[in-house]
Amino acid sequence: MDEIELTVRFCETDALGHINNTSYFIYLEEARVRCFESLGLDMNTNEWSFILASTKCDFMAQGYFNDRLLVRTGVCKIGTKSFTLVHEIYKAETEELVARGNAVIVYFDFKKQQTANIPDFLRDALERNQILQPQESET
């Protein structure tokens, strides 16, 4: 599982003083990019092969300006043409779970404008980083 650390900036909070819900999706995007890099993928947008098909974030606790957050990312499902990443965001000091999310990534051939099978090199890297699906949040 990959892990990055972020510090909540003032501009990422809202009038209520906590992290605005849209900011979480920026954190998840940053974690996805770092995860792709750790898998050995080139982040050159001229050679980009991914489409974000779906993303979700469940908010478990409030975060605030200047909180240090840990975003942990892992691969939980691998299909023929897509894979799913799971994200968990914790307060660094307390390990309190702040948010949990996921992202479905589709492998895509932009020249042909169609989905494509995940190539073997990527499938191997994804499988090496696969984790068990975390428990769904209780509502």
C-alpha atoms as a PDB file:
ATOM      1  CA  MET A   1       0.000   0.000   0.000  1.00  0.00           C
ATOM      2  CA  ASP A   2       1.365   3.422  -0.982  1.00  0.00           C
ATOM      3  CA  GLU A   3       1.309   6.292   1.491  1.00  0.00           C
ATOM      4  CA  ILE A   4       1.701  10.026   1.049  1.00  0.00           C
ATOM      5  CA  GLU A   5       1.525  12.808   3.609  1.00  0.00           C
ATOM      6  CA  LEU A   6      -0.293  16.097   3.013  1.00  0.00           C
ATOM      7  CA  THR A   7      -0.839  19.186   5.123  1.00  0.00           C
ATOM      8  CA  VAL A   8      -4.258  20.824   4.872  1.00  0.00           C
ATOM      9  CA  ARG A   9      -3.953  24.329   3.459  1.00  0.00           C
ATOM     10  CA  PHE A  10      -6.233  27.167   4.572  1.00  0.00           C
ATOM     11  CA  CYS A  11      -7.761  27.416   1.069  1.00  0.00           C
ATOM     12  CA  GLU A  12      -8.916  23.775   1.365  1.00  0.00           C
ATOM     13  CA  THR A  13     -11.239  24.559   4.261  1.00  0.00           C
ATOM     14  CA  ASP A  14     -14.724  26.032   4.180  1.00  0.00           C
ATOM     15  CA  ALA A  15     -16.795  28.522   6.153  1.00  0.00           C
ATOM     16  CA  LEU A  16     -17.404  25.897   8.836  1.00  0.00           C
ATOM     17  CA  GLY A  17     -13.663  25.607   9.412  1.00  0.00           C
ATOM     18  CA  HIS A  18     -13.206  22.030   8.258  1.00  0.00           C
ATOM     19  CA  ILE A  19     -11.814  20.509   5.074  1.00  0.00           C
ATOM     20  CA  ASN A  20     -14.213  21.199   2.231  1.00  0.00           C
ATOM     21  CA  ASN A  21     -15.590  18.012   0.696  1.00  0.00           C
ATOM     22  CA  THR A  22     -14.177  18.887  -2.742  1.00  0.00           C
ATOM     23  CA  SER A  23     -10.654  19.029  -1.320  1.00  0.00           C
ATOM     24  CA  TYR A  24     -10.717  15.315  -0.558  1.00  0.00           C
ATOM     25  CA  PHE A  25     -10.928  14.529  -4.258  1.00  0.00           C
ATOM     26  CA  ILE A  26      -7.770  16.578  -4.845  1.00  0.00           C
ATOM     27  CA  TYR A  27      -6.023  14.525  -2.135  1.00  0.00           C
ATOM     28  CA  LEU A  28      -7.212  11.297  -3.771  1.00  0.00           C
ATOM     29  CA  GLU A  29      -5.969  12.460  -7.171  1.00  0.00           C
ATOM     30  CA  GLU A  30      -2.542  13.245  -5.724  1.00  0.00           C
ATOM     31  CA  ALA A  31      -2.449   9.787  -4.148  1.00  0.00           C
ATOM     32  CA  ARG A  32      -3.418   8.149  -7.468  1.00  0.00           C
ATOM     33  CA  VAL A  33      -0.614   9.940  -9.323  1.00  0.00           C
ATOM     34  CA  ARG A  34       1.944   8.904  -6.690  1.00  0.00           C
ATOM     35  CA  CYS A  35       0.584   5.331  -6.817  1.00  0.00           C
ATOM     36  CA  PHE A  36       0.970   5.273 -10.615  1.00  0.00           C
ATOM     37  CA  GLU A  37       4.564   6.478 -10.229  1.00  0.00           C
ATOM     38  CA  SER A  38       5.292   3.761  -7.673  1.00  0.00           C
ATOM     39  CA  LEU A  39       4.002   1.207 -10.193  1.00  0.00           C
ATOM     40  CA  GLY A  40       6.658   2.451 -12.618  1.00  0.00           C
ATOM     41  CA  LEU A  41       4.268   4.309 -14.922  1.00  0.00           C
ATOM     42  CA  ASP A  42       5.358   7.353 -16.906  1.00  0.00           C
ATOM     43  CA  MET A  43       3.353  10.449 -15.985  1.00  0.00           C
ATOM     44  CA  ASN A  44       3.844  11.962 -19.453  1.00  0.00           C
ATOM     45  CA  THR A  45       0.402  13.247 -20.504  1.00  0.00           C
ATOM     46  CA  ASN A  46       1.315  12.752 -24.175  1.00  0.00           C
ATOM     47  CA  GLU A  47       1.389   9.009 -23.482  1.00  0.00           C
ATOM     48  CA  TRP A  48      -1.490   8.901 -20.979  1.00  0.00           C
ATOM     49  CA  SER A  49      -3.546   5.694 -20.984  1.00  0.00           C
ATOM     50  CA  PHE A  50      -6.084   6.149 -18.187  1.00  0.00           C
ATOM     51  CA  ILE A  51      -9.585   7.481 -17.705  1.00  0.00           C
ATOM     52  CA  LEU A  52     -11.127   7.990 -14.301  1.00  0.00           C
ATOM     53  CA  ALA A  53     -14.474   6.205 -14.700  1.00  0.00           C
ATOM     54  CA  SER A  54     -15.740   6.603 -11.156  1.00  0.00           C
ATOM     55  CA  THR A  55     -14.643   7.994  -7.846  1.00  0.00           C
ATOM     56  CA  LYS A  56     -16.244   8.028  -4.422  1.00  0.00           C
ATOM     57  CA  CYS A  57     -15.405   9.409  -1.012  1.00  0.00           C
ATOM     58  CA  ASP A  58     -17.069   8.669   2.323  1.00  0.00           C
ATOM     59  CA  PHE A  59     -16.424  11.201   5.074  1.00  0.00           C
ATOM     60  CA  MET A  60     -15.803   9.610   8.459  1.00  0.00           C
ATOM     61  CA  ALA A  61     -14.497  12.493  10.607  1.00  0.00           C
ATOM     62  CA  GLN A  62     -13.709  16.180  10.245  1.00  0.00           C
ATOM     63  CA  GLY A  63     -10.301  17.495   9.320  1.00  0.00           C
ATOM     64  CA  TYR A  64      -9.072  21.057   9.788  1.00  0.00           C
ATOM     65  CA  PHE A  65      -6.549  23.597   8.537  1.00  0.00           C
ATOM     66  CA  ASN A  66      -2.957  22.551   9.155  1.00  0.00           C
ATOM     67  CA  ASP A  67      -3.844  18.921   9.946  1.00  0.00           C
ATOM     68  CA  ARG A  68      -1.253  16.495   8.633  1.00  0.00           C
ATOM     69  CA  LEU A  69      -2.980  13.735   6.700  1.00  0.00           C
ATOM     70  CA  LEU A  70      -1.769  10.325   5.570  1.00  0.00           C
ATOM     71  CA  VAL A  71      -3.373   9.040   2.377  1.00  0.00           C
ATOM     72  CA  ARG A  72      -2.934   5.298   1.908  1.00  0.00           C
ATOM     73  CA  THR A  73      -3.676   3.812  -1.512  1.00  0.00           C
ATOM     74  CA  GLY A  74      -3.842   0.225  -2.691  1.00  0.00           C
ATOM     75  CA  VAL A  75      -5.145  -1.851  -5.585  1.00  0.00           C
ATOM     76  CA  CYS A  76      -8.222  -3.846  -4.604  1.00  0.00           C
ATOM     77  CA  LYS A  77      -9.624  -5.160  -7.906  1.00  0.00           C
ATOM     78  CA  ILE A  78      -8.147  -5.872 -11.325  1.00  0.00           C
ATOM     79  CA  GLY A  79     -10.321  -6.517 -14.350  1.00  0.00           C
ATOM     80  CA  THR A  80      -9.585  -6.971 -18.035  1.00  0.00           C
ATOM     81  CA  LYS A  81      -9.741  -3.268 -18.924  1.00  0.00           C
ATOM     82  CA  SER A  82      -9.982  -1.535 -15.553  1.00  0.00           C
ATOM     83  CA  PHE A  83      -8.766  -1.628 -11.990  1.00  0.00           C
ATOM     84  CA  THR A  84      -9.944  -0.181  -8.693  1.00  0.00           C
ATOM     85  CA  LEU A  85      -7.870   1.707  -6.166  1.00  0.00           C
ATOM     86  CA  VAL A  86      -8.910   2.185  -2.554  1.00  0.00           C
ATOM     87  CA  HIS A  87      -7.879   5.184  -0.505  1.00  0.00           C
ATOM     88  CA  GLU A  88      -7.931   5.792   3.226  1.00  0.00           C
ATOM     89  CA  ILE A  89      -7.157   9.199   4.724  1.00  0.00           C
ATOM     90  CA  TYR A  90      -5.961   9.374   8.336  1.00  0.00           C
ATOM     91  CA  LYS A  91      -4.875  12.147  10.666  1.00  0.00           C
ATOM     92  CA  ALA A  92      -1.122  11.616  10.951  1.00  0.00           C
ATOM     93  CA  GLU A  93      -0.935  12.387  14.671  1.00  0.00           C
ATOM     94  CA  THR A  94      -3.809  10.178  15.833  1.00  0.00           C
ATOM     95  CA  GLU A  95      -4.388   7.647  13.018  1.00  0.00           C
ATOM     96  CA  GLU A  96      -8.092   8.651  13.139  1.00  0.00           C
ATOM     97  CA  LEU A  97      -9.807   7.659   9.886  1.00  0.00           C
ATOM     98  CA  VAL A  98     -11.037  10.860   8.236  1.00  0.00           C
ATOM     99  CA  ALA A  99     -12.223   9.558   4.853  1.00  0.00           C
ATOM    100  CA  ARG A 100     -12.348   6.434   2.735  1.00  0.00           C
ATOM    101  CA  GLY A 101     -12.680   6.398  -1.033  1.00  0.00           C
ATOM    102  CA  ASN A 102     -12.118   4.489  -4.210  1.00  0.00           C
ATOM    103  CA  ALA A 103     -11.459   5.101  -7.885  1.00  0.00           C
ATOM    104  CA  VAL A 104     -12.177   2.969 -10.929  1.00  0.00           C
ATOM    105  CA  ILE A 105      -9.499   3.503 -13.568  1.00  0.00           C
ATOM    106  CA  VAL A 106     -10.051   2.367 -17.167  1.00  0.00           C
ATOM    107  CA  TYR A 107      -7.141   1.607 -19.463  1.00  0.00           C
ATOM    108  CA  PHE A 108      -7.804   3.646 -22.613  1.00  0.00           C
ATOM    109  CA  ASP A 109      -6.292   4.040 -26.090  1.00  0.00           C
ATOM    110  CA  PHE A 110      -6.720   7.743 -26.863  1.00  0.00           C
ATOM    111  CA  LYS A 111      -5.607   7.347 -30.485  1.00  0.00           C
ATOM    112  CA  LYS A 112      -8.351   4.800 -31.152  1.00  0.00           C
ATOM    113  CA  GLN A 113     -10.728   6.434 -28.635  1.00  0.00           C
ATOM    114  CA  GLN A 114     -11.624   3.107 -27.047  1.00  0.00           C
ATOM    115  CA  THR A 115     -10.916   1.027 -23.997  1.00  0.00           C
ATOM    116  CA  ALA A 116      -8.048  -1.433 -24.180  1.00  0.00           C
ATOM    117  CA  ASN A 117      -6.921  -4.485 -22.265  1.00  0.00           C
ATOM    118  CA  ILE A 118      -4.552  -3.785 -19.392  1.00  0.00           C
ATOM    119  CA  PRO A 119      -1.073  -4.715 -20.694  1.00  0.00           C
ATOM    120  CA  ASP A 120       0.846  -7.488 -18.970  1.00  0.00           C
ATOM    121  CA  PHE A 121       3.506  -5.182 -17.478  1.00  0.00           C
ATOM    122  CA  LEU A 122       0.804  -3.095 -15.793  1.00  0.00           C
ATOM    123  CA  ARG A 123      -1.229  -6.114 -14.676  1.00  0.00           C
ATOM    124  CA  ASP A 124       1.906  -7.575 -13.052  1.00  0.00           C
ATOM    125  CA  ALA A 125       2.593  -4.299 -11.202  1.00  0.00           C
ATOM    126  CA  LEU A 126      -1.036  -4.036 -10.079  1.00  0.00           C
ATOM    127  CA  GLU A 127      -1.047  -7.619  -8.826  1.00  0.00           C
ATOM    128  CA  ARG A 128       2.129  -6.989  -6.805  1.00  0.00           C
ATOM    129  CA  ASN A 129       0.338  -4.099  -5.075  1.00  0.00           C
ATOM    130  CA  GLN A 130      -3.065  -5.727  -4.623  1.00  0.00           C
ATOM    131  CA  ILE A 131      -4.604  -5.630  -1.162  1.00  0.00           C
ATOM    132  CA  LEU A 132      -7.780  -7.011   0.287  1.00  0.00           C
ATOM    133  CA  GLN A 133     -10.873  -4.840  -0.091  1.00  0.00           C
ATOM    134  CA  PRO A 134     -11.338  -2.824   3.130  1.00  0.00           C
ATOM    135  CA  GLN A 135     -14.565  -3.093   5.071  1.00  0.00           C
ATOM    136  CA  GLU A 136     -17.378  -0.910   3.779  1.00  0.00           C
ATOM    137  CA  SER A 137     -18.203   2.002   6.018  1.00  0.00           C
ATOM    138  CA  GLU A 138     -21.153   1.583   8.295  1.00  0.00           C
ATOM    139  CA  THR A 139     -24.000   4.029   7.854  1.00  0.00           C
END
